[in-house]
C-alpha atoms as a PDB file:
ATOM      1  CA  MET A   1      95.116 147.856  80.762  1.00  0.00           C
ATOM      2  CA  LEU A   2      97.217 148.267  78.049  1.00  0.00           C
ATOM      3  CA  ASN A   3      99.236 151.543  77.346  1.00  0.00           C
ATOM      4  CA  GLY A   4      96.406 153.295  79.570  1.00  0.00           C
ATOM      5  CA  ALA A   5      93.433 151.592  77.574  1.00  0.00           C
ATOM      6  CA  PRO A   6      90.858 148.504  78.796  1.00  0.00           C
ATOM      7  CA  ILE A   7      91.738 145.595  76.211  1.00  0.00           C
ATOM      8  CA  GLY A   8      89.111 143.334  78.177  1.00  0.00           C
ATOM      9  CA  PHE A   9      85.649 143.645  79.309  1.00  0.00           C
ATOM     10  CA  ARG A  10      82.486 141.935  79.751  1.00  0.00           C
ATOM     11  CA  CYS A  11      78.821 142.422  80.736  1.00  0.00           C
ATOM     12  CA  SER A  12      76.477 139.692  81.430  1.00  0.00           C
ATOM     13  CA  THR A  13      74.407 137.830  83.917  1.00  0.00           C
ATOM     14  CA  GLN A  14      75.875 134.478  85.486  1.00  0.00           C
ATOM     15  CA  LYS A  15      74.827 131.464  83.939  1.00  0.00           C
ATOM     16  CA  THR A  16      74.531 129.636  87.745  1.00  0.00           C
ATOM     17  CA  VAL A  17      72.306 130.487  90.277  1.00  0.00           C
ATOM     18  CA  ALA A  18      74.717 131.133  93.936  1.00  0.00           C
ATOM     19  CA  LEU A  19      72.443 130.735  97.211  1.00  0.00           C
ATOM     20  CA  LEU A  20      75.324 133.103  98.857  1.00  0.00           C
ATOM     21  CA  VAL A  21      76.255 135.913  98.255  1.00  0.00           C
ATOM     22  CA  ILE A  22      79.929 134.856  97.945  1.00  0.00           C
ATOM     23  CA  GLU A  23      79.245 132.201  96.673  1.00  0.00           C
ATOM     24  CA  ALA A  24      78.238 134.616  93.524  1.00  0.00           C
ATOM     25  CA  GLU A  25      81.337 136.948  94.357  1.00  0.00           C
ATOM     26  CA  LEU A  26      83.340 133.643  93.795  1.00  0.00           C
ATOM     27  CA  TYR A  27      81.904 132.511  90.067  1.00  0.00           C
ATOM     28  CA  VAL A  28      83.147 136.012  89.364  1.00  0.00           C
ATOM     29  CA  VAL A  29      86.641 135.869  91.065  1.00  0.00           C
ATOM     30  CA  VAL A  30      87.228 132.665  89.106  1.00  0.00           C
ATOM     31  CA  MET A  31      85.801 133.842  85.773  1.00  0.00           C
ATOM     32  CA  THR A  32      87.702 136.879  85.797  1.00  0.00           C
ATOM     33  CA  THR A  33      90.626 135.342  86.101  1.00  0.00           C
ATOM     34  CA  GLN A  34      90.280 133.325  83.126  1.00  0.00           C
ATOM     35  CA  ASP A  35      89.535 136.165  80.959  1.00  0.00           C
ATOM     36  CA  MET A  36      92.755 137.806  82.559  1.00  0.00           C
ATOM     37  CA  LEU A  37      95.030 134.611  82.117  1.00  0.00           C
ATOM     38  CA  TYR A  38      93.204 134.521  78.230  1.00  0.00           C
ATOM     39  CA  ILE A  39      94.233 138.031  77.542  1.00  0.00           C
ATOM     40  CA  LEU A  40      97.543 137.097  79.058  1.00  0.00           C
ATOM     41  CA  HIS A  41      98.533 134.194  76.676  1.00  0.00           C
ATOM     42  CA  VAL A  42      96.993 135.948  73.453  1.00  0.00           C
ATOM     43  CA  LEU A  43      99.228 138.919  74.139  1.00  0.00           C
ATOM     44  CA  GLU A  44     102.001 136.948  74.547  1.00  0.00           C
ATOM     45  CA  SER A  45     101.287 134.940  71.236  1.00  0.00           C
ATOM     46  CA  ILE A  46     101.575 137.947  69.648  1.00  0.00           C
ATOM     47  CA  GLY A  47     104.596 138.919  70.651  1.00  0.00           C
ATOM     48  CA  LEU A  48     104.148 141.474  73.698  1.00  0.00           C
ATOM     49  CA  GLN A  49     105.334 140.871  77.330  1.00  0.00           C
ATOM     50  CA  ALA A  50     102.460 141.089  79.687  1.00  0.00           C
ATOM     51  CA  GLN A  51     103.321 141.827  83.334  1.00  0.00           C
ATOM     52  CA  LEU A  52     102.579 138.803  85.839  1.00  0.00           C
ATOM     53  CA  ASN A  53     101.275 140.621  88.332  1.00  0.00           C
ATOM     54  CA  MET A  54      97.739 141.299  87.426  1.00  0.00           C
ATOM     55  CA  ILE A  55      95.685 142.994  89.782  1.00  0.00           C
ATOM     56  CA  LEU A  56      91.738 141.668  90.738  1.00  0.00           C
ATOM     57  CA  GLU A  57      90.185 143.518  93.754  1.00  0.00           C
ATOM     58  CA  VAL A  58      87.574 142.078  95.223  1.00  0.00           C
ATOM     59  CA  ASP A  59      85.464 143.464  97.977  1.00  0.00           C
ATOM     60  CA  ASN A  60      83.812 140.530  99.832  1.00  0.00           C
ATOM     61  CA  LYS A  61      86.099 139.837 102.291  1.00  0.00           C
ATOM     62  CA  GLY A  62      84.654 136.021 102.394  1.00  0.00           C
ATOM     63  CA  ALA A  63      85.502 135.265  98.420  1.00  0.00           C
ATOM     64  CA  VAL A  64      88.827 136.592  99.402  1.00  0.00           C
ATOM     65  CA  VAL A  65      89.148 134.279 101.772  1.00  0.00           C
ATOM     66  CA  LEU A  66      87.855 131.376  99.922  1.00  0.00           C
ATOM     67  CA  ALA A  67      89.507 131.937  96.787  1.00  0.00           C
ATOM     68  CA  ASN A  68      92.993 132.124  98.525  1.00  0.00           C
ATOM     69  CA  ILE A  69      92.160 128.461 100.273  1.00  0.00           C
ATOM     70  CA  TRP A  70      91.554 127.594  97.020  1.00  0.00           C
ATOM     71  CA  SER A  71      93.908 128.705  95.365  1.00  0.00           C
ATOM     72  CA  VAL A  72      96.747 127.086  98.137  1.00  0.00           C
ATOM     73  CA  ARG A  73      94.880 123.597  97.346  1.00  0.00           C
ATOM     74  CA  ALA A  74      94.900 123.854  93.556  1.00  0.00           C
END
Protein backbone atom coordinates (compact mmCIF):
# COMPACT_ATOMS: atom_id res chain seq x y z
CA MET A 1 0.00 0.00 0.00
CA LEU A 2 1.22 3.49 -0.79
CA ASN A 3 -0.73 6.27 0.93
CA GLY A 4 -3.62 3.85 1.45
CA ALA A 5 -3.76 2.63 -2.16
CA PRO A 6 -2.63 -0.79 -3.39
CA ILE A 7 0.36 -0.61 -5.73
CA GLY A 8 0.71 -4.27 -6.63
CA PHE A 9 -1.74 -6.96 -7.63
CA ARG A 10 -1.30 -10.32 -9.33
CA CYS A 11 -3.83 -12.89 -10.34
CA SER A 12 -2.52 -15.96 -12.12
CA THR A 13 -2.30 -19.70 -11.92
CA GLN A 14 0.83 -21.37 -10.60
CA LYS A 15 3.26 -22.47 -13.28
CA THR A 16 4.32 -25.56 -11.32
CA VAL A 17 2.39 -28.48 -9.90
CA ALA A 18 2.56 -28.87 -6.13
CA LEU A 19 1.97 -32.22 -4.50
CA LEU A 20 1.06 -30.75 -1.09
CA VAL A 21 -0.94 -27.73 0.02
CA ILE A 22 2.05 -26.62 2.09
CA GLU A 23 4.23 -26.72 -1.01
CA ALA A 24 1.73 -24.65 -3.01
CA GLU A 25 1.50 -22.09 -0.21
CA LEU A 26 5.30 -21.90 -0.02
CA TYR A 27 5.50 -21.19 -3.77
CA VAL A 28 3.07 -18.32 -3.27
CA VAL A 29 5.11 -16.98 -0.33
CA VAL A 30 8.27 -16.97 -2.46
CA MET A 31 6.58 -15.30 -5.44
CA THR A 32 4.95 -12.68 -3.24
CA THR A 33 8.24 -11.94 -1.47
CA GLN A 34 9.92 -11.46 -4.84
CA ASP A 35 7.16 -9.04 -5.87
CA MET A 36 7.49 -7.12 -2.60
CA LEU A 37 11.26 -6.75 -3.08
CA TYR A 38 10.76 -5.66 -6.69
CA ILE A 39 8.28 -2.97 -5.66
CA LEU A 40 10.67 -1.86 -2.89
CA HIS A 41 13.46 -1.42 -5.44
CA VAL A 42 11.17 0.45 -7.84
CA LEU A 43 10.10 2.86 -5.09
CA GLU A 44 13.72 3.42 -4.05
CA SER A 45 14.77 3.99 -7.67
CA ILE A 46 12.30 6.87 -8.02
CA GLY A 47 13.48 8.42 -4.76
CA LEU A 48 10.76 7.33 -2.35
CA GLN A 49 11.54 5.98 1.11
CA ALA A 50 9.89 2.65 1.85
CA GLN A 51 9.50 0.91 5.20
CA LEU A 52 11.47 -2.30 5.42
CA ASN A 53 9.01 -3.91 7.81
CA MET A 54 6.70 -5.12 5.05
CA ILE A 55 4.20 -7.68 6.31
CA LEU A 56 3.33 -10.86 4.48
CA GLU A 57 0.46 -12.74 6.08
CA VAL A 58 0.24 -16.50 5.51
CA ASP A 59 -2.58 -18.64 6.90
CA ASN A 60 -0.88 -22.03 6.49
CA LYS A 61 1.21 -22.89 9.57
CA GLY A 62 3.29 -25.46 7.69
CA ALA A 63 4.23 -22.93 5.00
CA VAL A 64 5.19 -20.41 7.69
CA VAL A 65 7.46 -22.96 9.39
CA LEU A 66 9.09 -23.92 6.07
CA ALA A 67 9.56 -20.26 5.07
CA ASN A 68 11.18 -19.48 8.42
CA ILE A 69 13.52 -22.48 8.16
CA TRP A 70 14.34 -21.54 4.59
CA SER A 71 15.06 -17.89 5.46
CA VAL A 72 17.45 -18.91 8.27
CA ARG A 73 19.42 -21.15 5.90
CA ALA A 74 19.63 -18.51 3.13
